[in-house]
Protein backbone atom coordinates (compact mmCIF):
# COMPACT_ATOMS: atom_id res chain seq x y z
CA MET A 1 3.41 0.22 -18.34
CA ASN A 2 1.80 -0.48 -15.01
CA GLN A 3 -0.68 1.48 -13.01
CA TYR A 4 0.32 1.81 -9.51
CA ASN A 5 -2.16 2.25 -6.39
CA TYR A 6 -0.73 3.45 -2.44
CA MET A 7 -2.41 2.06 0.78
CA THR A 8 -1.37 4.72 3.60
CA PHE A 9 -1.43 4.15 7.33
CA LYS A 10 -2.25 5.87 10.34
CA SER A 11 0.91 4.59 11.71
CA VAL A 12 4.55 3.54 10.80
CA SER A 13 3.75 0.81 12.56
CA TYR A 14 0.47 -0.09 10.75
CA ALA A 15 2.81 -0.04 7.72
CA MET A 16 5.17 -2.15 8.53
CA LYS A 17 2.73 -5.01 9.88
CA VAL A 18 1.17 -4.77 6.15
CA GLU A 19 4.66 -5.31 4.70
CA ALA A 20 5.11 -8.29 6.58
CA GLU A 21 1.98 -10.23 5.38
CA LEU A 22 2.71 -9.10 1.80
CA LYS A 23 6.12 -11.04 1.92
CA LYS A 24 4.47 -14.12 2.61
CA ASN A 25 2.02 -13.66 -0.35
CA ASP A 26 2.86 -13.28 -4.01
CA ILE A 27 2.34 -9.30 -4.48
CA GLN A 28 4.92 -6.75 -5.96
CA TYR A 29 4.90 -3.98 -3.68
CA LYS A 30 7.52 -1.38 -1.99
CA VAL A 31 7.53 0.31 0.93
CA ILE A 32 7.94 4.47 0.12
CA PRO A 33 7.08 7.66 1.89
CA VAL A 34 4.23 8.88 0.94
CA PRO A 35 4.36 11.08 -1.68
CA ARG A 36 3.70 14.72 -1.21
CA SER A 37 1.33 14.79 -3.95
CA ILE A 38 -1.09 12.43 -1.88
CA SER A 39 0.15 13.82 1.89
CA SER A 40 3.16 16.26 3.11
CA SER A 41 2.81 14.40 6.04
CA CYS A 42 5.82 12.01 6.91
CA GLY A 43 5.05 8.96 6.74
CA LEU A 44 5.41 5.33 4.69
CA CYS A 45 3.15 3.87 2.08
CA VAL A 46 3.05 0.69 -0.08
CA ARG A 47 2.80 0.99 -3.44
CA PHE A 48 1.62 -2.21 -5.78
CA PHE A 49 0.24 -2.71 -8.94
CA LYS A 50 -3.20 -1.78 -9.56
CA ASP A 51 -4.19 -4.76 -10.48
CA ASP A 52 -3.34 -6.89 -7.10
CA MET A 53 -5.96 -4.57 -5.17
CA ASP A 54 -8.25 -7.57 -4.57
CA LYS A 55 -5.85 -9.45 -3.39
CA LEU A 56 -3.98 -6.97 -1.49
CA LYS A 57 -7.33 -5.66 0.13
CA LEU A 58 -8.04 -9.59 1.17
CA ILE A 59 -4.81 -10.27 2.59
CA ILE A 60 -5.44 -7.42 4.79
CA GLU A 61 -8.75 -8.19 5.68
CA LYS A 62 -8.02 -12.03 6.26
CA ASN A 63 -5.46 -10.92 8.87
CA GLY A 64 -6.95 -7.70 10.59
CA LEU A 65 -4.82 -5.11 9.23
CA VAL A 66 -5.52 -2.14 9.21
CA TYR A 67 -4.68 0.73 6.55
CA GLU A 68 -6.09 4.52 6.25
CA LYS A 69 -6.79 4.67 2.49
CA ILE A 70 -5.94 3.83 -0.94
CA TYR A 71 -5.11 6.26 -3.63
CA MET A 72 -5.10 5.78 -6.93
CA ASP A 73 -2.51 6.92 -9.49
CA THR A 74 -3.99 8.05 -12.71
CA ALA A 75 -0.01 8.34 -14.81
CA THR A 76 1.25 5.83 -15.91
CA CYS A 77 4.87 4.39 -13.94
């Protein structure tokens, strides 16, 4: 079983920019509504496998993208 992490953003447009870059790379991800356990506000986040975190951060840094926070899921999915 894999563990997921969640990357949140200050706006939907930031999430869409990150998604556009992830489509070009070999990372499995899914853009989903922010889980209630993370925040009660509306918005999107990127759910990705815990093992891909370093790769994802490198892509974000390389492309000058912005994210708010990464939440680590303690439950297995």
